[in-house]
Amino acid sequence: MAACFDTLNAGIVTKDLVNLMEGVEAKAVNSADFIKAIRANLEKRLGC
């Protein structure tokens, strides 16, 4: 869950979430890239 929040807080979101973001400059990506960003944050948290 924390890796997902890290991704959202970095402003990496899917197109449908861009207008919901406040206080962060949102960057719209496709679903595959969103999942890749979450995975990268999860690996970072796990020290992989």
C-alpha atoms as a PDB file:
ATOM      1  CA  MET A   1       0.000   0.000   0.000  1.00  0.00           C
ATOM      2  CA  ALA A   2       2.806   2.428   0.867  1.00  0.00           C
ATOM      3  CA  ALA A   3       4.435   1.946  -2.542  1.00  0.00           C
ATOM      4  CA  CYS A   4       1.165   2.969  -4.169  1.00  0.00           C
ATOM      5  CA  PHE A   5       0.996   6.118  -2.038  1.00  0.00           C
ATOM      6  CA  ASP A   6       4.645   6.876  -2.899  1.00  0.00           C
ATOM      7  CA  THR A   7       3.708   6.716  -6.575  1.00  0.00           C
ATOM      8  CA  LEU A   8       0.656   8.940  -6.152  1.00  0.00           C
ATOM      9  CA  ASN A   9       2.590  11.444  -4.028  1.00  0.00           C
ATOM     10  CA  ALA A  10       5.201  11.633  -6.793  1.00  0.00           C
ATOM     11  CA  GLY A  11       2.386  12.726  -9.111  1.00  0.00           C
ATOM     12  CA  ILE A  12       2.425   9.598 -11.250  1.00  0.00           C
ATOM     13  CA  VAL A  13      -1.189   8.719 -11.966  1.00  0.00           C
ATOM     14  CA  THR A  14      -3.460   7.373 -14.650  1.00  0.00           C
ATOM     15  CA  LYS A  15      -5.418   9.818 -16.788  1.00  0.00           C
ATOM     16  CA  ASP A  16      -8.613   9.362 -14.784  1.00  0.00           C
ATOM     17  CA  LEU A  17      -6.919  10.547 -11.570  1.00  0.00           C
ATOM     18  CA  VAL A  18      -5.155  13.668 -12.889  1.00  0.00           C
ATOM     19  CA  ASN A  19      -8.009  16.036 -12.032  1.00  0.00           C
ATOM     20  CA  LEU A  20      -8.221  14.674  -8.485  1.00  0.00           C
ATOM     21  CA  MET A  21      -4.621  15.504  -7.593  1.00  0.00           C
ATOM     22  CA  GLU A  22      -4.015  18.479  -5.289  1.00  0.00           C
ATOM     23  CA  GLY A  23      -0.692  19.892  -4.192  1.00  0.00           C
ATOM     24  CA  VAL A  24       1.266  17.752  -6.638  1.00  0.00           C
ATOM     25  CA  GLU A  25       1.998  18.262 -10.306  1.00  0.00           C
ATOM     26  CA  ALA A  26       0.381  15.198 -11.847  1.00  0.00           C
ATOM     27  CA  LYS A  27       1.892  13.277 -14.731  1.00  0.00           C
ATOM     28  CA  ALA A  28      -0.597  11.047 -16.568  1.00  0.00           C
ATOM     29  CA  VAL A  29       0.738   7.660 -17.623  1.00  0.00           C
ATOM     30  CA  ASN A  30      -0.936   4.565 -19.014  1.00  0.00           C
ATOM     31  CA  SER A  31      -1.922   1.687 -16.739  1.00  0.00           C
ATOM     32  CA  ALA A  32       1.159  -0.398 -17.527  1.00  0.00           C
ATOM     33  CA  ASP A  33       3.512   2.470 -16.685  1.00  0.00           C
ATOM     34  CA  PHE A  34       1.557   3.194 -13.507  1.00  0.00           C
ATOM     35  CA  ILE A  35       1.999  -0.404 -12.352  1.00  0.00           C
ATOM     36  CA  LYS A  36       5.701  -0.256 -13.285  1.00  0.00           C
ATOM     37  CA  ALA A  37       6.099   2.881 -11.150  1.00  0.00           C
ATOM     38  CA  ILE A  38       4.384   1.191  -8.202  1.00  0.00           C
ATOM     39  CA  ARG A  39       6.638  -1.843  -8.641  1.00  0.00           C
ATOM     40  CA  ALA A  40       9.747   0.360  -8.705  1.00  0.00           C
ATOM     41  CA  ASN A  41       8.639   2.058  -5.466  1.00  0.00           C
ATOM     42  CA  LEU A  42       7.875  -1.307  -3.872  1.00  0.00           C
ATOM     43  CA  GLU A  43      11.311  -2.650  -4.817  1.00  0.00           C
ATOM     44  CA  LYS A  44      12.880   0.522  -3.404  1.00  0.00           C
ATOM     45  CA  ARG A  45      11.034   0.025  -0.103  1.00  0.00           C
ATOM     46  CA  LEU A  46      12.023  -3.652   0.009  1.00  0.00           C
ATOM     47  CA  GLY A  47      15.653  -2.864  -0.796  1.00  0.00           C
ATOM     48  CA  CYS A  48      15.669  -4.978  -3.980  1.00  0.00           C
END
